[in-house]
Amino acid sequence: MIELRHINKSFDDKVVLNDINTLFEDGKTNLIIGQSGAGKTVLMKTLVGLLEPTSGEVLYDGRDFVRMTKDEKVAMRREMGMIFQSAALFDSLTVLENVMFPLDMFSTMNLRERVARARECLDRVNLGDAEGKYPGEISGGMQKRVAIARAVVMNPKYLFCDEPNSGLDPKTSLVIDGLLHSITQEYNTTTIINTHDMNSVMGIGENILFIADGRKEWQGDKTQVVGSENRKLNDLVFASDLFKKVRNLPQ
């Protein structure tokens, strides 16, 4: 579980995050949603330590990440997995070598064990037959699945995903959502997904944090989104014609 207590972040005189208090739960897909510029990316970077909050606490199972020593933060990051918006694979490495990379850097496994673990993760995302290919030889959706395999190869307790469906078609996005949800449940991971994809919200949004203008505006799950009376949330959810039609369907 990750808890944020009174998180504030400012750049010079500009307040970007304003008194954010929330819980991200184990074994659930926790989504952060909001308009562009709402503070989602800054919040994600604050969670993983790329930015330090101006004030407040970031508690990982009760441990305050902000006040850890440098060595403690390095150890803490080994419990984290990260999926970047662009997949961020190494073009010069094969699919298998990309997945092995965290093991090569941080594990004490021998080569045979590292290869076996990487193959296990590739099988988990249904890419066992692509291990010898290079990123440029596979589709964008396959690259995202490789990124998921790499992110979970170290068995992280905490998994962070920045716009994992960016640039993908709706069908492939559903595959990615399904993988993230099943892996989260299977390993009881604390998964946090930064997204603007309303299909993800309605499909896997088990715990949704909506922020607007740097503030926590609403929190709930996918069953509560459509019926919310929060005007700012409705402006986001029903921005598309499709969701407007869904809201107007007879009950």
Protein backbone atom coordinates (compact mmCIF):
# COMPACT_ATOMS: atom_id res chain seq x y z
CA MET A 1 0.00 0.00 0.00
CA ILE A 2 1.14 3.54 -0.77
CA GLU A 3 -0.24 6.47 1.18
CA LEU A 4 0.14 10.15 0.34
CA ARG A 5 -0.23 12.60 3.20
CA HIS A 6 -0.57 16.32 2.50
CA ILE A 7 1.56 16.24 -0.64
CA ASN A 8 2.36 19.67 -2.03
CA LYS A 9 4.62 20.48 -4.96
CA SER A 10 5.52 23.91 -6.29
CA PHE A 11 7.89 25.13 -8.95
CA ASP A 12 8.95 28.63 -7.90
CA ASP A 13 5.60 30.38 -7.28
CA LYS A 14 3.48 27.91 -9.26
CA VAL A 15 1.57 25.37 -7.17
CA VAL A 16 1.22 22.09 -9.11
CA LEU A 17 0.05 19.71 -6.35
CA ASN A 18 -2.05 21.04 -3.50
CA ASP A 19 -2.57 18.98 -0.33
CA ILE A 20 -3.03 15.55 -1.97
CA ASN A 21 -4.15 12.85 0.49
CA THR A 22 -4.93 9.37 -0.81
CA LEU A 23 -4.33 5.62 -0.59
CA PHE A 24 -3.22 3.30 -3.40
CA GLU A 25 -4.20 -0.25 -2.49
CA ASP A 26 -2.47 -3.62 -2.85
CA GLY A 27 -3.85 -6.04 -5.41
CA LYS A 28 -5.83 -3.34 -7.21
CA THR A 29 -5.37 -1.29 -10.35
CA ASN A 30 -5.15 2.25 -8.98
CA LEU A 31 -5.74 4.86 -11.68
CA ILE A 32 -4.78 8.54 -11.69
CA ILE A 33 -6.90 10.55 -14.12
CA GLY A 34 -7.32 14.20 -14.99
CA GLN A 35 -7.13 16.75 -17.77
CA SER A 36 -3.78 17.60 -19.36
CA GLY A 37 -1.93 19.91 -16.98
CA ALA A 38 -3.85 18.71 -13.92
CA GLY A 39 -0.69 17.42 -12.22
CA LYS A 40 -0.85 13.69 -13.03
CA THR A 41 2.72 13.42 -14.33
CA VAL A 42 4.15 15.48 -11.47
CA LEU A 43 2.30 13.25 -9.00
CA MET A 44 3.68 10.10 -10.64
CA LYS A 45 7.22 11.49 -10.61
CA THR A 46 6.80 12.41 -6.96
CA LEU A 47 5.66 8.89 -6.14
CA VAL A 48 8.76 7.27 -7.68
CA GLY A 49 11.21 9.85 -6.36
CA LEU A 50 12.06 11.65 -9.60
CA LEU A 51 10.69 14.78 -7.94
CA GLU A 52 10.74 15.62 -4.24
CA PRO A 53 7.57 17.14 -2.80
CA THR A 54 7.71 20.63 -1.38
CA SER A 55 6.07 19.15 1.70
CA GLY A 56 4.23 15.99 2.74
CA GLU A 57 4.85 12.26 3.09
CA VAL A 58 4.99 9.40 0.58
CA LEU A 59 4.53 6.23 2.63
CA TYR A 60 5.38 2.82 1.19
CA ASP A 61 3.82 0.38 3.64
CA GLY A 62 4.46 2.93 6.36
CA ARG A 63 7.98 3.86 5.24
CA ASP A 64 8.41 7.52 4.30
CA PHE A 65 10.20 7.54 0.94
CA VAL A 66 10.86 11.28 1.11
CA ARG A 67 12.95 11.03 4.28
CA MET A 68 14.89 7.89 3.39
CA THR A 69 18.66 8.05 3.00
CA LYS A 70 20.16 7.73 -0.48
CA ASP A 71 21.00 4.05 0.10
CA GLU A 72 17.53 3.35 1.45
CA LYS A 73 15.98 4.94 -1.65
CA VAL A 74 18.15 2.81 -3.94
CA ALA A 75 16.98 -0.30 -2.10
CA MET A 76 13.38 0.91 -2.25
CA ARG A 77 13.56 1.41 -6.01
CA ARG A 78 14.44 -2.26 -6.42
CA GLU A 79 10.91 -2.97 -5.18
CA MET A 80 9.46 -0.85 -7.99
CA GLY A 81 8.67 -1.63 -11.62
CA MET A 82 8.08 1.09 -14.21
CA ILE A 83 6.33 1.04 -17.59
CA PHE A 84 7.07 4.16 -19.60
CA GLN A 85 4.72 5.78 -22.10
CA SER A 86 7.07 5.01 -25.02
CA ALA A 87 7.96 1.48 -23.76
CA ALA A 88 11.61 2.72 -23.63
CA LEU A 89 13.15 -0.50 -24.89
CA PHE A 90 16.81 -0.69 -25.92
CA ASP A 91 16.92 -0.91 -29.71
CA SER A 92 20.27 -2.72 -29.72
CA LEU A 93 19.07 -5.49 -27.40
CA THR A 94 16.80 -8.39 -28.28
CA VAL A 95 13.43 -8.79 -26.60
CA LEU A 96 14.91 -11.36 -24.22
CA GLU A 97 17.90 -9.14 -23.42
CA ASN A 98 15.59 -6.18 -22.74
CA VAL A 99 13.60 -8.20 -20.22
CA MET A 100 16.82 -9.52 -18.64
CA PHE A 101 18.30 -6.04 -18.25
CA PRO A 102 17.04 -5.36 -14.67
CA LEU A 103 18.23 -8.81 -13.62
CA ASP A 104 21.66 -8.18 -15.16
CA MET A 105 21.89 -4.89 -13.24
CA PHE A 106 20.41 -5.74 -9.85
CA SER A 107 20.00 -9.49 -9.25
CA THR A 108 22.44 -12.06 -7.92
CA MET A 109 21.10 -14.77 -10.27
CA ASN A 110 23.48 -16.62 -12.55
CA LEU A 111 23.00 -16.40 -16.33
CA ARG A 112 20.88 -19.53 -16.58
CA GLU A 113 18.55 -18.31 -13.83
CA ARG A 114 18.26 -14.86 -15.42
CA VAL A 115 17.37 -16.32 -18.81
CA ALA A 116 14.80 -18.64 -17.24
CA ARG A 117 13.16 -15.81 -15.30
CA ALA A 118 13.04 -13.53 -18.36
CA ARG A 119 11.48 -16.30 -20.45
CA GLU A 120 8.91 -16.92 -17.73
CA CYS A 121 7.87 -13.26 -17.88
CA LEU A 122 7.74 -13.26 -21.69
CA ASP A 123 5.51 -16.33 -21.57
CA ARG A 124 3.31 -14.46 -19.08
CA VAL A 125 2.67 -11.75 -21.68
CA ASN A 126 2.39 -14.28 -24.53
CA LEU A 127 5.63 -13.30 -26.24
CA GLY A 128 7.75 -16.41 -25.76
CA ASP A 129 8.22 -16.80 -29.50
CA ALA A 130 9.57 -13.25 -29.93
CA GLU A 131 12.57 -13.41 -27.62
CA GLY A 132 15.14 -13.25 -30.44
CA LYS A 133 13.58 -10.27 -32.19
CA TYR A 134 14.64 -6.64 -31.79
CA PRO A 135 12.19 -3.88 -30.76
CA GLY A 136 12.14 -2.48 -34.28
CA GLU A 137 10.91 -5.81 -35.59
CA ILE A 138 7.76 -6.01 -33.45
CA SER A 139 4.56 -3.94 -33.23
CA GLY A 140 3.86 -1.15 -30.76
CA GLY A 141 1.51 -3.37 -28.80
CA MET A 142 4.14 -6.10 -28.57
CA GLN A 143 6.67 -3.52 -27.39
CA LYS A 144 4.34 -2.53 -24.55
CA ARG A 145 3.99 -6.19 -23.58
CA VAL A 146 7.80 -6.52 -23.53
CA ALA A 147 7.88 -3.43 -21.30
CA ILE A 148 5.40 -5.09 -18.93
CA ALA A 149 7.53 -8.25 -18.83
CA ARG A 150 10.63 -6.18 -18.05
CA ALA A 151 8.80 -4.20 -15.37
CA VAL A 152 7.69 -7.33 -13.48
CA VAL A 153 10.84 -9.45 -13.95
CA MET A 154 12.16 -8.41 -10.52
CA ASN A 155 8.83 -9.27 -8.83
CA PRO A 156 8.16 -5.66 -7.79
CA LYS A 157 5.80 -4.85 -4.94
CA TYR A 158 4.90 -1.57 -6.65
CA LEU A 159 4.22 -1.14 -10.36
CA PHE A 160 3.98 2.28 -12.02
CA CYS A 161 2.56 2.75 -15.51
CA ASP A 162 2.67 6.07 -17.37
CA GLU A 163 0.01 6.13 -20.11
CA PRO A 164 0.55 2.43 -21.00
CA ASN A 165 -2.05 2.58 -23.81
CA SER A 166 -0.68 5.67 -25.51
CA GLY A 167 -0.55 5.21 -29.27
CA LEU A 168 -2.31 1.84 -29.24
CA ASP A 169 -5.53 0.86 -31.00
CA PRO A 170 -8.56 0.08 -28.79
CA LYS A 171 -8.26 -3.70 -29.17
CA THR A 172 -4.58 -3.76 -28.21
CA SER A 173 -5.30 -1.38 -25.33
CA LEU A 174 -7.77 -3.90 -23.92
CA VAL A 175 -5.05 -6.57 -24.06
CA ILE A 176 -2.63 -4.33 -22.15
CA ASP A 177 -5.29 -3.45 -19.57
CA GLY A 178 -6.11 -7.12 -19.10
CA LEU A 179 -2.46 -8.03 -18.58
CA LEU A 180 -1.90 -5.26 -16.03
CA HIS A 181 -5.04 -6.20 -14.13
CA SER A 182 -4.29 -9.92 -14.03
CA ILE A 183 -0.64 -9.41 -13.03
CA THR A 184 -1.75 -7.01 -10.28
CA GLN A 185 -4.13 -9.58 -8.83
CA GLU A 186 -1.79 -12.53 -9.32
CA TYR A 187 1.11 -10.94 -7.42
CA ASN A 188 -0.92 -8.65 -5.11
CA THR A 189 0.99 -5.71 -6.55
CA THR A 190 0.26 -2.08 -5.78
CA THR A 191 -0.25 -0.92 -9.37
CA ILE A 192 -0.62 2.79 -10.19
CA ILE A 193 -1.60 3.78 -13.73
CA ASN A 194 -1.50 7.33 -15.02
CA THR A 195 -4.05 7.44 -17.85
CA HIS A 196 -6.48 9.53 -19.86
CA ASP A 197 -8.07 6.44 -21.48
CA MET A 198 -11.72 6.25 -20.40
CA ASN A 199 -11.90 2.64 -21.62
CA SER A 200 -9.25 1.79 -19.01
CA VAL A 201 -11.17 3.72 -16.37
CA MET A 202 -14.37 1.78 -17.06
CA GLY A 203 -12.57 -1.54 -17.56
CA ILE A 204 -9.99 -1.83 -14.77
CA GLY A 205 -10.57 1.22 -12.56
CA GLU A 206 -10.77 -0.45 -9.16
CA ASN A 207 -9.51 2.64 -7.32
CA ILE A 208 -9.58 5.92 -9.24
CA LEU A 209 -8.05 9.21 -8.14
CA PHE A 210 -9.26 12.22 -10.13
CA ILE A 211 -7.20 15.37 -9.78
CA ALA A 212 -7.98 18.82 -11.17
CA ASP A 213 -5.83 21.94 -10.87
CA GLY A 214 -3.44 20.02 -8.63
CA ARG A 215 -6.09 19.02 -6.09
CA LYS A 216 -7.75 15.73 -5.26
CA GLU A 217 -11.20 16.32 -6.68
CA TRP A 218 -12.80 12.86 -6.41
CA GLN A 219 -11.96 9.24 -5.57
CA GLY A 220 -13.96 6.08 -6.20
CA ASP A 221 -14.19 3.05 -8.47
CA LYS A 222 -15.42 2.41 -11.99
CA THR A 223 -18.96 1.66 -10.81
CA GLN A 224 -19.23 5.15 -9.35
CA VAL A 225 -17.74 7.17 -12.22
CA VAL A 226 -20.76 7.48 -14.50
CA GLY A 227 -23.14 8.41 -11.69
CA SER A 228 -20.87 10.97 -10.09
CA GLU A 229 -22.28 14.42 -9.43
CA ASN A 230 -18.82 16.00 -9.58
CA ARG A 231 -18.98 18.52 -12.44
CA LYS A 232 -15.26 18.50 -13.21
CA LEU A 233 -15.20 14.71 -13.34
CA ASN A 234 -18.23 14.65 -15.62
CA ASP A 235 -16.57 17.16 -17.93
CA LEU A 236 -13.66 14.72 -18.30
CA VAL A 237 -15.59 11.46 -18.51
CA PHE A 238 -18.26 12.70 -20.89
CA ALA A 239 -15.95 14.71 -23.12
CA SER A 240 -16.40 12.21 -25.97
CA ASP A 241 -19.62 11.71 -27.92
CA LEU A 242 -19.54 7.99 -27.12
CA PHE A 243 -19.67 8.48 -23.35
CA LYS A 244 -22.29 11.20 -23.71
CA LYS A 245 -24.47 8.62 -25.46
CA VAL A 246 -23.78 6.07 -22.71
CA ARG A 247 -24.94 8.56 -20.06
CA ASN A 248 -28.16 9.24 -21.98
CA LEU A 249 -29.11 5.59 -22.47
CA PRO A 250 -32.35 4.59 -20.69
CA GLN A 251 -31.75 2.85 -17.40
